[in-house]
N, C-alpha and C. Protein backbone atom coordinates (compact mmCIF):
# COMPACT_ATOMS: atom_id res chain seq x y z
N UNK A 1 1.20 -0.99 -0.04
CA UNK A 1 -0.22 -0.31 -0.50
C UNK A 1 0.99 1.12 -0.01
N UNK A 2 1.88 1.27 0.93
CA UNK A 2 2.36 2.47 0.95
C UNK A 2 3.29 2.74 -0.45
N UNK A 3 3.86 1.66 -1.20
CA UNK A 3 4.34 1.65 -2.56
C UNK A 3 3.60 2.55 -3.11
N UNK A 4 2.01 1.88 -3.28
CA UNK A 4 1.06 2.53 -4.14
C UNK A 4 0.82 3.86 -3.77
N UNK A 5 1.05 4.49 -2.41
CA UNK A 5 0.90 5.75 -2.65
C UNK A 5 1.82 6.07 -3.26
N UNK A 6 3.13 6.23 -3.07
CA UNK A 6 4.22 6.88 -3.42
C UNK A 6 4.45 6.54 -4.79
N UNK A 7 4.23 5.66 -5.60
CA UNK A 7 4.23 4.99 -7.16
C UNK A 7 3.25 6.55 -7.82
N UNK A 8 2.26 7.03 -6.88
CA UNK A 8 1.38 7.83 -7.53
C UNK A 8 2.05 9.23 -7.94
N UNK A 9 2.98 9.43 -6.64
CA UNK A 9 3.64 10.85 -6.98
C UNK A 9 5.42 10.61 -7.28
N UNK A 10 5.66 9.46 -7.77
CA UNK A 10 7.17 9.55 -8.12
C UNK A 10 7.73 8.80 -9.17
N UNK A 11 8.80 8.99 -10.25
CA UNK A 11 9.03 8.92 -11.17
C UNK A 11 10.10 7.94 -10.89
N UNK A 12 10.38 7.46 -9.99
CA UNK A 12 11.45 6.64 -9.85
C UNK A 12 10.36 5.09 -10.09
N UNK A 13 11.44 3.96 -10.06
CA UNK A 13 10.73 2.43 -10.43
C UNK A 13 10.44 1.92 -9.11
N UNK A 14 9.94 1.19 -9.32
CA UNK A 14 8.77 0.12 -8.12
C UNK A 14 10.07 -0.44 -6.81
N UNK A 15 10.55 -1.00 -7.70
CA UNK A 15 11.69 -1.54 -6.45
C UNK A 15 12.51 -0.41 -5.68
N UNK A 16 13.04 0.55 -6.69
CA UNK A 16 13.74 1.64 -5.77
C UNK A 16 12.52 2.64 -4.81
N UNK A 17 11.46 2.30 -4.94
CA UNK A 17 10.04 3.01 -4.18
C UNK A 17 10.20 1.72 -2.64
N UNK A 18 10.08 0.49 -3.10
CA UNK A 18 10.36 -0.17 -1.97
C UNK A 18 11.34 0.08 -0.81
N UNK A 19 12.26 -0.02 -1.77
CA UNK A 19 13.59 0.02 -0.74
C UNK A 19 13.87 0.66 -0.30
N UNK A 20 13.26 2.11 -0.54
CA UNK A 20 13.31 3.59 0.55
C UNK A 20 12.33 3.72 1.47
N UNK A 21 11.03 2.61 1.53
CA UNK A 21 10.45 2.37 2.62
C UNK A 21 10.76 2.06 3.80
N UNK A 22 10.77 2.36 5.14
CA UNK A 22 10.86 2.41 6.42
C UNK A 22 9.79 2.43 6.91
N UNK A 23 9.68 1.40 8.11
CA UNK A 23 8.57 1.24 8.56
C UNK A 23 7.74 2.27 9.54
N UNK A 24 8.45 3.84 9.73
CA UNK A 24 8.12 4.99 10.09
C UNK A 24 7.52 5.74 8.99
N UNK A 25 8.05 5.43 7.56
CA UNK A 25 7.32 6.15 6.96
C UNK A 25 6.01 5.47 6.29
N UNK A 26 6.25 4.09 6.34
CA UNK A 26 4.96 3.40 6.35
C UNK A 26 3.92 3.85 6.68
N UNK A 27 3.91 4.10 8.00
CA UNK A 27 2.93 4.26 9.13
C UNK A 27 2.60 5.74 8.82
N UNK A 28 3.41 6.63 8.31
CA UNK A 28 3.03 8.30 8.16
C UNK A 28 1.87 8.09 6.65
N UNK A 29 2.55 7.34 5.83
CA UNK A 29 1.99 7.24 4.50
C UNK A 29 0.80 6.83 4.80
N UNK A 30 0.60 5.79 5.08
CA UNK A 30 -1.01 5.25 5.51
C UNK A 30 -1.60 6.41 6.33
N UNK A 31 -1.52 6.73 7.07
CA UNK A 31 -2.23 8.11 8.19
C UNK A 31 -2.63 8.86 7.15
N UNK A 32 -1.48 9.59 6.85
CA UNK A 32 -1.64 10.39 5.57
C UNK A 32 -3.25 10.55 4.66
N UNK A 33 -3.06 8.95 4.12
CA UNK A 33 -4.30 8.87 2.77
C UNK A 33 -5.72 8.63 3.52
N UNK A 34 -5.56 8.26 4.72
CA UNK A 34 -6.94 7.68 4.99
C UNK A 34 -7.15 9.30 5.75
N UNK A 35 -6.24 10.25 6.50
CA UNK A 35 -6.78 11.67 6.63
C UNK A 35 -7.44 12.55 5.15
N UNK A 36 -6.75 12.11 4.45
CA UNK A 36 -6.97 12.86 2.91
C UNK A 36 -8.47 11.66 2.01
N UNK A 37 -8.72 10.97 3.02
CA UNK A 37 -9.70 10.19 2.18
C UNK A 37 -9.59 9.67 0.89
N UNK A 38 -8.36 9.19 0.38
CA UNK A 38 -7.69 8.65 -0.79
C UNK A 38 -8.01 7.23 -0.62
N UNK A 39 -9.19 6.40 -0.60
CA UNK A 39 -8.98 4.97 -0.31
C UNK A 39 -8.80 4.02 -1.21
N UNK A 40 -8.78 4.53 -2.56
CA UNK A 40 -8.07 3.46 -3.46
C UNK A 40 -6.99 2.96 -2.89
N UNK A 41 -5.72 3.11 -2.66
CA UNK A 41 -4.76 2.69 -2.17
C UNK A 41 -5.09 1.68 -1.45
N UNK A 42 -6.00 1.43 -0.51
CA UNK A 42 -6.35 0.58 0.47
C UNK A 42 -6.65 -0.83 -0.45
N UNK A 43 -6.99 -0.60 -1.76
CA UNK A 43 -7.76 -1.95 -1.98
C UNK A 43 -6.64 -2.88 -2.52
N UNK A 44 -4.92 -2.45 -2.01
CA UNK A 44 -4.20 -3.44 -2.76
C UNK A 44 -3.81 -4.28 -1.38
N UNK A 45 -4.45 -4.16 -0.27
CA UNK A 45 -4.26 -4.84 1.07
C UNK A 45 -5.95 -5.56 1.05
N UNK A 46 -5.66 -7.05 1.43
CA UNK A 46 -6.66 -7.45 1.78
C UNK A 46 -6.46 -8.78 2.75
N UNK A 47 -7.68 -9.02 3.44
CA UNK A 47 -7.55 -10.04 4.60
C UNK A 47 -8.77 -10.98 4.25
N UNK A 48 -8.60 -12.34 4.80
CA UNK A 48 -9.14 -13.50 4.63
C UNK A 48 -9.68 -14.23 5.49
N UNK A 49 -11.06 -13.96 6.13
CA UNK A 49 -11.86 -14.75 7.52
C UNK A 49 -12.56 -15.68 7.52
N UNK A 50 -12.18 -16.80 8.18
CA UNK A 50 -12.64 -18.26 8.59
C UNK A 50 -13.43 -18.28 9.54
N UNK A 51 -15.02 -17.80 9.13
CA UNK A 51 -16.19 -17.14 10.11
C UNK A 51 -17.23 -18.61 10.39
N UNK A 52 -17.17 -18.55 11.30
CA UNK A 52 -18.12 -20.23 12.17
C UNK A 52 -19.03 -19.86 13.16
N UNK A 53 -20.21 -20.22 13.28
CA UNK A 53 -20.79 -19.55 14.40
C UNK A 53 -22.10 -18.89 13.90
N UNK A 54 -22.08 -18.39 12.95
CA UNK A 54 -23.10 -17.37 12.58
C UNK A 54 -24.62 -18.38 12.30
N UNK A 55 -25.09 -17.34 11.97
CA UNK A 55 -26.93 -17.83 11.71
C UNK A 55 -26.68 -17.44 10.46
N UNK A 56 -27.93 -17.93 9.46
CA UNK A 56 -28.34 -17.55 8.45
C UNK A 56 -28.73 -16.33 8.39
N UNK A 57 -29.09 -15.69 9.08
CA UNK A 57 -29.92 -14.39 9.23
C UNK A 57 -28.64 -13.70 8.97
N UNK A 58 -27.30 -14.01 9.92
CA UNK A 58 -26.54 -13.08 9.93
C UNK A 58 -25.72 -12.89 8.64
N UNK A 59 -25.48 -14.04 7.61
CA UNK A 59 -25.08 -14.53 7.15
C UNK A 59 -25.70 -13.36 5.73
N UNK A 60 -26.82 -13.43 5.59
CA UNK A 60 -27.73 -13.04 4.60
C UNK A 60 -27.33 -11.58 4.58
N UNK A 61 -26.74 -10.92 5.55
CA UNK A 61 -26.55 -9.73 5.28
C UNK A 61 -25.10 -9.45 5.17
N UNK A 62 -24.47 -10.14 5.44
CA UNK A 62 -22.92 -10.12 5.07
C UNK A 62 -22.56 -10.34 4.00
N UNK A 63 -23.32 -10.78 3.07
CA UNK A 63 -23.08 -11.35 1.31
C UNK A 63 -23.56 -10.03 0.62
N UNK A 64 -24.36 -8.95 1.63
CA UNK A 64 -24.54 -8.21 0.44
C UNK A 64 -23.42 -6.90 0.11
N UNK A 65 -22.13 -7.45 1.19
CA UNK A 65 -21.62 -6.06 0.99
C UNK A 65 -20.59 -7.18 -0.66
N UNK A 66 -20.87 -6.54 -1.35
CA UNK A 66 -20.44 -7.70 -2.60
C UNK A 66 -19.23 -6.89 -3.31
N UNK A 67 -18.20 -5.89 -2.33
CA UNK A 67 -16.84 -5.63 -2.85
C UNK A 67 -16.05 -6.89 -1.94
N UNK A 68 -16.79 -7.99 -1.60
CA UNK A 68 -15.93 -8.86 -0.55
C UNK A 68 -16.37 -10.00 -1.35
N UNK A 69 -14.97 -11.34 -0.98
CA UNK A 69 -15.60 -12.71 -2.02
C UNK A 69 -16.29 -13.46 -0.87
N UNK A 70 -17.03 -14.51 -1.09
CA UNK A 70 -17.26 -14.92 0.04
C UNK A 70 -17.73 -16.35 -0.80
N UNK A 71 -17.28 -17.56 0.29
CA UNK A 71 -17.46 -18.69 -0.12
C UNK A 71 -18.21 -19.69 0.76
N UNK A 72 -19.17 -19.62 1.15
CA UNK A 72 -20.38 -20.20 2.32
C UNK A 72 -20.79 -21.64 1.71
N UNK A 73 -20.96 -22.44 3.07
CA UNK A 73 -21.03 -23.65 3.03
C UNK A 73 -22.67 -24.09 2.61
N UNK A 74 -22.83 -25.01 1.93
CA UNK A 74 -24.11 -25.31 0.74
C UNK A 74 -24.58 -26.04 1.31
N UNK A 75 -25.92 -25.20 1.65
CA UNK A 75 -27.00 -26.34 2.30
C UNK A 75 -27.98 -27.67 1.02
N UNK A 76 -27.55 -26.88 -0.17
CA UNK A 76 -27.79 -27.34 -1.19
C UNK A 76 -27.06 -29.65 -1.33
N UNK A 77 -25.74 -29.29 -0.71
CA UNK A 77 -25.10 -30.16 -1.35
C UNK A 77 -24.64 -30.92 0.38
N UNK A 78 -24.67 -29.99 1.55
CA UNK A 78 -24.13 -30.33 2.88
C UNK A 78 -25.73 -30.86 3.65
N UNK A 79 -25.89 -31.87 4.16
CA UNK A 79 -26.75 -32.32 4.78
C UNK A 79 -26.79 -31.69 6.30
N UNK A 80 -27.85 -30.99 6.75
CA UNK A 80 -28.03 -30.64 7.81
C UNK A 80 -28.69 -30.90 9.12
N UNK A 81 -28.58 -32.22 8.96
CA UNK A 81 -29.45 -32.94 10.17
C UNK A 81 -28.59 -32.52 11.32
N UNK A 82 -29.21 -32.27 12.14
CA UNK A 82 -28.51 -32.13 13.95
C UNK A 82 -27.91 -31.36 13.60
N UNK A 83 -28.29 -29.71 12.90
CA UNK A 83 -27.85 -28.39 12.60
C UNK A 83 -28.14 -28.09 14.09
N UNK A 84 -26.51 -26.78 14.28
CA UNK A 84 -26.99 -26.13 15.33
C UNK A 84 -27.50 -24.64 14.93
N UNK A 85 -27.79 -23.78 16.02
CA UNK A 85 -28.28 -23.35 15.60
C UNK A 85 -28.16 -21.48 17.13
N UNK A 86 -28.43 -20.37 16.11
CA UNK A 86 -28.21 -19.22 17.18
C UNK A 86 -29.22 -19.06 17.75
N UNK A 87 -29.19 -18.64 19.12
CA UNK A 87 -30.71 -18.09 19.90
C UNK A 87 -30.21 -16.09 20.04
N UNK A 88 -31.44 -15.34 19.73
CA UNK A 88 -30.79 -14.42 20.04
C UNK A 88 -31.20 -13.62 21.48
N UNK A 89 -30.02 -12.98 21.97
CA UNK A 89 -29.62 -12.64 23.63
C UNK A 89 -31.31 -12.01 23.88
N UNK A 90 -32.18 -11.57 23.38
CA UNK A 90 -33.66 -10.83 23.37
C UNK A 90 -34.70 -12.43 24.00
N UNK A 91 -34.15 -13.28 23.32
CA UNK A 91 -34.85 -14.82 23.86
C UNK A 91 -34.15 -15.24 25.07
N UNK A 92 -32.37 -14.92 25.21
CA UNK A 92 -32.24 -15.71 26.19
C UNK A 92 -32.37 -15.24 27.72
N UNK A 93 -32.94 -14.62 27.66
CA UNK A 93 -33.22 -13.49 28.73
C UNK A 93 -34.50 -14.20 29.64
N UNK A 94 -35.31 -14.81 28.79
CA UNK A 94 -36.43 -15.49 29.47
C UNK A 94 -36.43 -16.92 29.42
N UNK A 95 -36.44 -17.66 30.26
CA UNK A 95 -36.42 -19.40 30.42
C UNK A 95 -37.48 -20.14 29.72
N UNK A 96 -38.55 -19.23 29.73
CA UNK A 96 -39.27 -20.13 29.03
C UNK A 96 -39.43 -20.09 27.35
N UNK A 97 -39.26 -18.57 27.30
CA UNK A 97 -39.03 -18.52 25.60
C UNK A 97 -37.80 -18.97 25.10
N UNK A 98 -36.87 -19.35 25.97
CA UNK A 98 -35.77 -20.11 25.14
C UNK A 98 -35.94 -21.44 25.19
N UNK A 99 -37.16 -22.08 26.18
CA UNK A 99 -37.51 -23.29 26.12
C UNK A 99 -38.41 -23.65 24.57
N UNK A 100 -39.13 -22.49 24.47
CA UNK A 100 -40.02 -22.76 23.46
C UNK A 100 -39.05 -22.74 21.87
N UNK A 101 -38.20 -21.77 21.84
CA UNK A 101 -37.19 -21.51 20.97
C UNK A 101 -36.52 -23.17 20.90
N UNK A 102 -36.10 -23.53 21.35
CA UNK A 102 -35.37 -24.74 21.35
C UNK A 102 -35.95 -25.97 21.17
N UNK A 103 -37.54 -25.69 21.35
CA UNK A 103 -38.59 -26.75 20.99
C UNK A 103 -38.79 -26.31 19.50
N UNK A 104 -38.90 -25.54 19.04
CA UNK A 104 -39.36 -25.01 17.59
C UNK A 104 -37.96 -25.30 16.53
N UNK A 105 -36.61 -25.25 17.19
CA UNK A 105 -35.71 -26.11 16.29
C UNK A 105 -35.62 -27.44 16.18
N UNK A 106 -36.07 -28.04 17.71
CA UNK A 106 -35.97 -29.43 17.64
C UNK A 106 -36.86 -30.21 16.41
N UNK A 107 -38.09 -29.33 16.15
CA UNK A 107 -38.95 -29.24 15.71
C UNK A 107 -38.63 -29.28 13.95
N UNK A 108 -37.83 -28.55 13.82
CA UNK A 108 -37.38 -28.37 12.10
C UNK A 108 -36.51 -29.61 12.09
N UNK A 109 -35.61 -29.57 12.94
CA UNK A 109 -34.53 -30.74 12.73
C UNK A 109 -35.22 -31.71 12.09
N UNK A 110 -36.34 -32.19 13.13
CA UNK A 110 -37.21 -33.59 12.79
C UNK A 110 -37.93 -33.53 11.57
N UNK A 111 -38.09 -32.21 11.25
CA UNK A 111 -39.14 -32.29 9.62
C UNK A 111 -37.83 -32.20 8.69
N UNK A 112 -36.95 -32.13 8.57
CA UNK A 112 -35.65 -31.81 7.95
C UNK A 112 -35.69 -33.29 7.64
N UNK A 113 -34.91 -33.87 8.77
CA UNK A 113 -34.28 -35.39 8.41
C UNK A 113 -35.73 -36.47 7.98
N UNK A 114 -37.14 -35.93 8.50
CA UNK A 114 -37.81 -36.71 7.76
C UNK A 114 -37.81 -36.73 6.02
N UNK A 115 -38.07 -35.23 5.71
CA UNK A 115 -37.53 -34.89 4.39
C UNK A 115 -36.34 -35.79 3.86
N UNK A 116 -35.15 -35.51 4.62
CA UNK A 116 -33.89 -36.39 4.00
C UNK A 116 -34.37 -38.02 3.46
N UNK A 117 -35.03 -38.43 4.82
CA UNK A 117 -35.06 -39.76 4.79
C UNK A 117 -35.78 -40.42 3.78
N UNK A 118 -37.31 -39.52 3.29
CA UNK A 118 -37.88 -39.82 2.65
C UNK A 118 -37.86 -39.50 1.09
N UNK A 119 -36.18 -39.33 1.26
CA UNK A 119 -35.67 -39.33 -0.46
C UNK A 119 -35.65 -38.19 -1.17
N UNK A 120 -36.43 -37.06 -0.48
CA UNK A 120 -36.05 -35.67 -0.63
C UNK A 120 -34.64 -34.98 -0.54
N UNK A 121 -34.45 -34.11 -1.99
CA UNK A 121 -33.04 -33.92 -1.86
C UNK A 121 -32.69 -33.02 -1.05
N UNK A 122 -31.26 -32.90 -0.40
CA UNK A 122 -30.91 -31.19 0.72
C UNK A 122 -31.44 -29.89 0.05
N UNK A 123 -30.98 -29.96 -0.99
CA UNK A 123 -31.85 -28.20 -1.64
C UNK A 123 -33.01 -28.10 -1.43
N UNK A 124 -33.93 -28.75 -1.61
CA UNK A 124 -35.39 -29.32 -1.24
C UNK A 124 -35.57 -29.19 0.19
N UNK A 125 -35.45 -30.35 1.27
CA UNK A 125 -35.59 -30.40 2.68
C UNK A 125 -35.08 -29.25 3.33
N UNK A 126 -34.49 -28.50 2.76
CA UNK A 126 -33.45 -26.99 3.14
C UNK A 126 -34.82 -25.86 3.60
N UNK A 127 -35.67 -25.63 2.94
CA UNK A 127 -36.77 -24.96 2.97
C UNK A 127 -37.38 -25.34 4.58
N UNK A 128 -37.51 -26.11 4.88
CA UNK A 128 -37.91 -26.26 6.34
C UNK A 128 -36.78 -26.15 7.32
N UNK A 129 -35.28 -25.43 6.90
CA UNK A 129 -34.84 -25.01 7.96
C UNK A 129 -35.13 -23.64 7.86
N UNK A 130 -34.75 -23.38 9.90
CA UNK A 130 -34.84 -21.77 10.03
C UNK A 130 -33.82 -21.14 9.81
N UNK A 131 -33.78 -19.44 10.13
CA UNK A 131 -33.02 -18.47 9.97
C UNK A 131 -31.85 -18.66 11.02
N UNK A 132 -32.24 -19.35 12.38
CA UNK A 132 -31.26 -19.46 12.94
C UNK A 132 -29.96 -20.47 12.46
N UNK A 133 -30.24 -21.21 11.94
CA UNK A 133 -29.15 -22.44 11.81
C UNK A 133 -28.25 -21.82 11.07
N UNK A 134 -27.10 -22.52 11.66
CA UNK A 134 -25.72 -21.65 12.05
C UNK A 134 -25.00 -22.54 10.68
N UNK A 135 -24.17 -21.06 9.98
CA UNK A 135 -23.32 -21.62 8.93
C UNK A 135 -21.98 -21.30 8.96
N UNK A 136 -21.09 -21.14 7.84
CA UNK A 136 -19.74 -21.24 7.69
C UNK A 136 -19.03 -20.47 6.56
N UNK A 137 -18.33 -19.54 6.56
CA UNK A 137 -18.00 -19.05 5.45
C UNK A 137 -16.41 -18.78 5.56
N UNK A 138 -15.76 -18.47 4.17
CA UNK A 138 -14.38 -18.08 4.05
C UNK A 138 -14.94 -16.44 3.70
N UNK A 139 -14.23 -15.81 4.09
CA UNK A 139 -14.62 -13.90 3.55
C UNK A 139 -13.31 -13.52 3.30
N UNK A 140 -13.09 -12.77 2.00
CA UNK A 140 -12.14 -11.94 1.70
C UNK A 140 -12.28 -10.64 0.99
N UNK A 141 -11.87 -9.84 1.87
CA UNK A 141 -12.27 -8.51 1.64
C UNK A 141 -11.03 -7.47 1.72
N UNK A 142 -10.80 -6.30 0.49
CA UNK A 142 -9.56 -5.60 0.80
C UNK A 142 -9.68 -4.69 1.99
N UNK A 143 -8.96 -3.76 2.21
CA UNK A 143 -8.78 -2.82 3.72
C UNK A 143 -10.15 -1.62 3.30
N UNK A 144 -10.56 -1.29 1.88
CA UNK A 144 -10.96 -0.41 1.82
C UNK A 144 -12.28 -1.05 1.94
N UNK A 145 -12.97 -1.49 1.88
CA UNK A 145 -14.08 -2.34 1.79
C UNK A 145 -14.39 -2.72 3.30
N UNK A 146 -13.59 -3.27 4.18
CA UNK A 146 -13.50 -3.38 5.12
C UNK A 146 -13.59 -1.95 6.28
N UNK A 147 -13.01 -1.12 5.88
CA UNK A 147 -13.38 0.09 6.65
C UNK A 147 -14.98 0.52 6.65
N UNK A 148 -15.56 0.31 5.08
CA UNK A 148 -16.90 0.87 5.03
C UNK A 148 -17.46 -0.37 5.49
N UNK A 149 -17.64 -1.73 5.62
CA UNK A 149 -18.18 -2.63 6.41
C UNK A 149 -17.89 -2.00 7.96
N UNK A 150 -16.95 -1.96 8.58
CA UNK A 150 -17.19 -1.03 9.99
C UNK A 150 -17.48 -0.07 10.10
N UNK A 151 -18.05 0.83 9.13
CA UNK A 151 -18.66 1.52 9.55
C UNK A 151 -20.15 1.60 9.38
N UNK A 152 -20.64 0.80 8.25
CA UNK A 152 -21.88 0.30 8.47
C UNK A 152 -22.36 -0.32 9.67
N UNK A 153 -21.46 -1.76 9.96
CA UNK A 153 -22.01 -2.93 11.11
C UNK A 153 -21.52 -2.58 12.16
N UNK A 154 -20.66 -2.12 12.45
CA UNK A 154 -20.53 -1.19 14.11
C UNK A 154 -21.02 -0.25 14.60
N UNK A 155 -22.22 0.13 13.94
CA UNK A 155 -23.01 1.16 14.10
C UNK A 155 -24.10 0.95 15.09
N UNK A 156 -24.72 1.41 16.01
CA UNK A 156 -25.34 0.79 17.20
C UNK A 156 -27.19 0.67 16.48
N UNK A 157 -27.13 0.91 15.89
CA UNK A 157 -28.32 0.66 15.05
C UNK A 157 -28.46 -0.75 13.68
N UNK A 158 -27.02 -1.06 13.73
CA UNK A 158 -26.70 -2.48 12.64
C UNK A 158 -27.73 -3.91 13.80
N UNK A 159 -28.16 -4.45 13.02
CA UNK A 159 -28.05 -6.09 13.70
C UNK A 159 -27.51 -6.20 14.96
N UNK A 160 -27.56 -6.79 16.03
CA UNK A 160 -26.66 -7.47 17.01
C UNK A 160 -25.59 -8.74 16.45
N UNK A 161 -26.16 -9.28 15.72
CA UNK A 161 -25.51 -10.70 15.36
C UNK A 161 -24.19 -10.14 14.62
N UNK A 162 -24.60 -9.20 13.77
CA UNK A 162 -23.78 -9.09 12.67
C UNK A 162 -22.75 -7.66 13.18
N UNK A 163 -22.93 -7.26 14.08
CA UNK A 163 -21.93 -6.02 14.80
C UNK A 163 -21.38 -6.39 15.67
N UNK A 164 -21.65 -8.24 16.27
CA UNK A 164 -21.07 -8.88 16.72
C UNK A 164 -19.67 -9.36 16.23
N UNK A 165 -20.44 -9.66 15.04
CA UNK A 165 -19.19 -10.51 14.30
C UNK A 165 -18.00 -9.40 13.91
N UNK A 166 -18.80 -8.27 13.15
CA UNK A 166 -18.01 -6.81 12.73
C UNK A 166 -16.61 -6.50 14.05
N UNK A 167 -17.16 -6.51 15.12
CA UNK A 167 -16.47 -6.34 16.13
C UNK A 167 -15.32 -7.16 16.03
N UNK A 168 -15.87 -8.76 15.86
CA UNK A 168 -14.29 -9.78 16.13
C UNK A 168 -13.56 -9.52 14.91
N UNK A 169 -14.06 -9.42 13.84
CA UNK A 169 -13.23 -9.10 12.86
C UNK A 169 -12.37 -7.94 12.68
N UNK A 170 -12.78 -6.77 13.64
CA UNK A 170 -12.00 -5.25 13.32
C UNK A 170 -10.98 -5.58 14.23
N UNK A 171 -10.99 -6.38 15.42
CA UNK A 171 -10.21 -6.98 16.49
C UNK A 171 -8.78 -7.60 15.97
N UNK A 172 -9.21 -8.59 14.93
CA UNK A 172 -8.35 -9.57 14.33
C UNK A 172 -7.51 -8.51 12.93
N UNK A 173 -8.24 -7.59 12.54
CA UNK A 173 -7.71 -6.86 11.53
C UNK A 173 -6.56 -5.73 12.09
N UNK A 174 -7.33 -4.85 13.51
CA UNK A 174 -6.10 -4.30 14.09
C UNK A 174 -4.46 -5.40 14.41
N UNK A 175 -4.18 -6.57 14.81
CA UNK A 175 -3.63 -7.20 15.28
C UNK A 175 -2.51 -7.09 13.90
N UNK A 176 -2.78 -7.21 13.31
CA UNK A 176 -2.18 -7.83 11.32
C UNK A 176 -1.73 -6.15 10.95
N UNK A 177 -2.63 -5.23 10.87
CA UNK A 177 -3.14 -3.95 10.41
C UNK A 177 -3.05 -2.76 11.45
N UNK A 178 -2.57 -2.37 12.42
CA UNK A 178 -3.08 -0.97 13.30
C UNK A 178 -3.07 -0.12 12.25
N UNK A 179 -1.92 -0.34 11.84
CA UNK A 179 -1.84 1.20 10.92
C UNK A 179 -3.39 2.05 10.28
N UNK A 180 -3.74 0.80 9.47
CA UNK A 180 -4.96 0.70 8.82
C UNK A 180 -6.35 0.85 9.40
N UNK A 181 -6.46 -0.01 10.56
CA UNK A 181 -7.24 0.23 11.00
C UNK A 181 -7.48 0.96 12.18
N UNK A 182 -6.57 1.27 12.64
CA UNK A 182 -6.58 2.55 14.55
C UNK A 182 -7.65 2.81 14.51
N UNK A 183 -8.25 3.65 13.69
CA UNK A 183 -9.52 4.58 13.51
C UNK A 183 -11.00 4.15 13.14
N UNK A 184 -10.71 2.89 12.86
CA UNK A 184 -12.29 1.88 11.99
C UNK A 184 -13.12 2.46 13.26
N UNK A 185 -14.41 2.17 12.52
CA UNK A 185 -15.62 2.01 13.72
C UNK A 185 -16.49 2.82 12.82
N UNK A 186 -18.05 3.18 13.37
CA UNK A 186 -19.33 3.48 12.32
C UNK A 186 -18.46 4.76 12.28
N UNK A 187 -19.40 5.35 11.57
CA UNK A 187 -19.00 6.80 11.12
C UNK A 187 -18.92 7.56 12.20
N UNK A 188 -19.86 7.42 13.57
CA UNK A 188 -19.85 8.81 14.17
C UNK A 188 -18.38 8.78 14.97
N UNK A 189 -17.88 7.58 15.18
CA UNK A 189 -16.45 7.70 15.62
C UNK A 189 -15.07 7.66 14.67
N UNK A 190 -15.44 7.01 13.35
CA UNK A 190 -14.44 7.56 12.05
C UNK A 190 -14.32 8.81 11.79
N UNK A 191 -15.71 9.32 11.28
CA UNK A 191 -15.76 10.56 10.62
C UNK A 191 -16.60 11.97 11.04
N UNK A 192 -16.59 10.96 12.47
CA UNK A 192 -17.59 12.54 13.26
C UNK A 192 -18.69 12.82 12.75
N UNK A 193 -19.83 12.02 12.47
CA UNK A 193 -21.26 12.44 11.97
C UNK A 193 -22.02 11.23 11.81
N UNK A 194 -23.40 11.33 11.60
CA UNK A 194 -24.07 9.93 11.53
C UNK A 194 -24.68 10.06 9.92
N UNK A 195 -24.29 8.91 9.58
CA UNK A 195 -24.78 8.83 7.94
C UNK A 195 -26.05 7.69 7.89
N UNK A 196 -26.86 7.61 9.44
CA UNK A 196 -28.34 7.28 9.20
C UNK A 196 -29.40 8.26 9.12
N UNK A 197 -28.77 9.31 9.00
CA UNK A 197 -30.00 10.55 8.58
C UNK A 197 -31.05 10.38 10.07
N UNK A 198 -32.23 10.65 9.62
CA UNK A 198 -33.63 10.47 10.67
C UNK A 198 -33.84 9.50 11.76
N UNK A 199 -32.76 8.23 10.91
CA UNK A 199 -32.69 7.12 12.24
C UNK A 199 -31.51 7.22 12.72
N UNK A 200 -30.97 8.05 13.24
CA UNK A 200 -29.73 8.10 14.19
C UNK A 200 -29.99 7.97 15.45
N UNK A 201 -29.05 7.35 15.93
CA UNK A 201 -29.45 6.83 17.55
C UNK A 201 -28.77 8.15 18.39
N UNK A 202 -28.41 9.02 17.88
CA UNK A 202 -28.25 10.68 18.18
C UNK A 202 -26.83 10.95 19.16
N UNK A 203 -25.83 9.40 19.00
CA UNK A 203 -24.34 9.75 19.40
C UNK A 203 -23.51 10.83 18.57
N UNK A 204 -24.23 10.97 17.35
CA UNK A 204 -23.53 12.47 16.20
C UNK A 204 -24.63 13.09 15.67
N UNK A 205 -23.80 14.15 14.91
CA UNK A 205 -24.92 15.01 14.12
C UNK A 205 -25.29 14.00 12.93
N UNK A 206 -26.18 13.97 11.99
CA UNK A 206 -26.30 13.60 11.00
C UNK A 206 -25.81 14.51 9.86
N UNK A 207 -25.30 13.79 9.25
CA UNK A 207 -24.88 13.98 7.56
C UNK A 207 -25.23 14.93 7.19
N UNK A 208 -26.62 15.27 7.05
CA UNK A 208 -27.44 16.37 6.52
C UNK A 208 -27.10 17.56 6.91
N UNK A 209 -27.22 17.55 8.26
CA UNK A 209 -27.13 18.60 9.45
C UNK A 209 -25.70 19.49 8.69
N UNK A 210 -24.34 17.69 9.23
CA UNK A 210 -23.33 18.71 8.79
C UNK A 210 -22.62 19.02 7.86
N UNK A 211 -22.87 18.88 6.78
CA UNK A 211 -23.47 19.39 5.28
C UNK A 211 -23.91 21.08 5.30
N UNK A 212 -25.20 21.13 5.85
CA UNK A 212 -25.57 22.25 5.66
C UNK A 212 -24.77 23.14 6.51
N UNK A 213 -24.55 23.16 7.86
CA UNK A 213 -23.82 23.56 8.61
C UNK A 213 -22.25 24.28 7.67
N UNK A 214 -21.93 23.33 6.79
CA UNK A 214 -20.61 23.64 6.17
C UNK A 214 -21.06 24.95 5.47
N UNK A 215 -22.24 24.28 4.27
CA UNK A 215 -22.34 25.56 3.71
C UNK A 215 -22.68 26.63 3.46
N UNK A 216 -23.64 26.85 5.30
CA UNK A 216 -23.92 28.34 5.83
C UNK A 216 -22.38 28.60 6.23
N UNK A 217 -21.35 28.08 6.29
CA UNK A 217 -20.22 28.48 6.96
C UNK A 217 -19.41 28.98 5.39
N UNK A 218 -19.66 28.75 4.30
CA UNK A 218 -18.64 28.50 3.18
C UNK A 218 -17.71 27.80 2.96
N UNK A 219 -18.26 26.57 3.64
CA UNK A 219 -16.84 25.33 3.74
C UNK A 219 -17.16 24.87 2.77
N UNK A 220 -18.24 24.87 1.82
CA UNK A 220 -18.11 23.78 0.78
C UNK A 220 -18.63 24.15 -0.69
């Protein structure tokens, strides 16, 4: 990434550019492009995650981020007899609701097994599987896409499960690329404004208010 940043403004060859980049200079260059919003160079760094134990409800949100590459466990070919499932925290707070939830999952397991044993293909039997069914994915995304992902999915308005997933992913990339992700987070933290408009939780001013204020002050 630092080489790409330098290359855009250098007449030198790529090999010499790389040789002249020490750790301090790399850190300075990355921080500079993050401040300026020149995010295209961030696409040269990519990260791959092995994700297990999330629900299908969560994975359906995750795969909407089409700037990433996904490989997901197939319910067409993998038989889900005895599938594991996720229980929302709101349900876990009530023992009776947990009992009823588990009962519903067990009934879904039984119905699924009945269809499989009757010779129905896995791709058709899966229609009785609930959104709570756990799945596995391999996900690869570049740094620019991840910064956008963290802005959206670490927002307090994001659904609880994908927000937990985003937090775990952020902790992992910060271990290997702290310069890129030091300030990563929801818009209210990373950019100082809220992109949710009228749906804002109130932690920061909505984007339109920020824009209107800058126009009135002659800043745009």
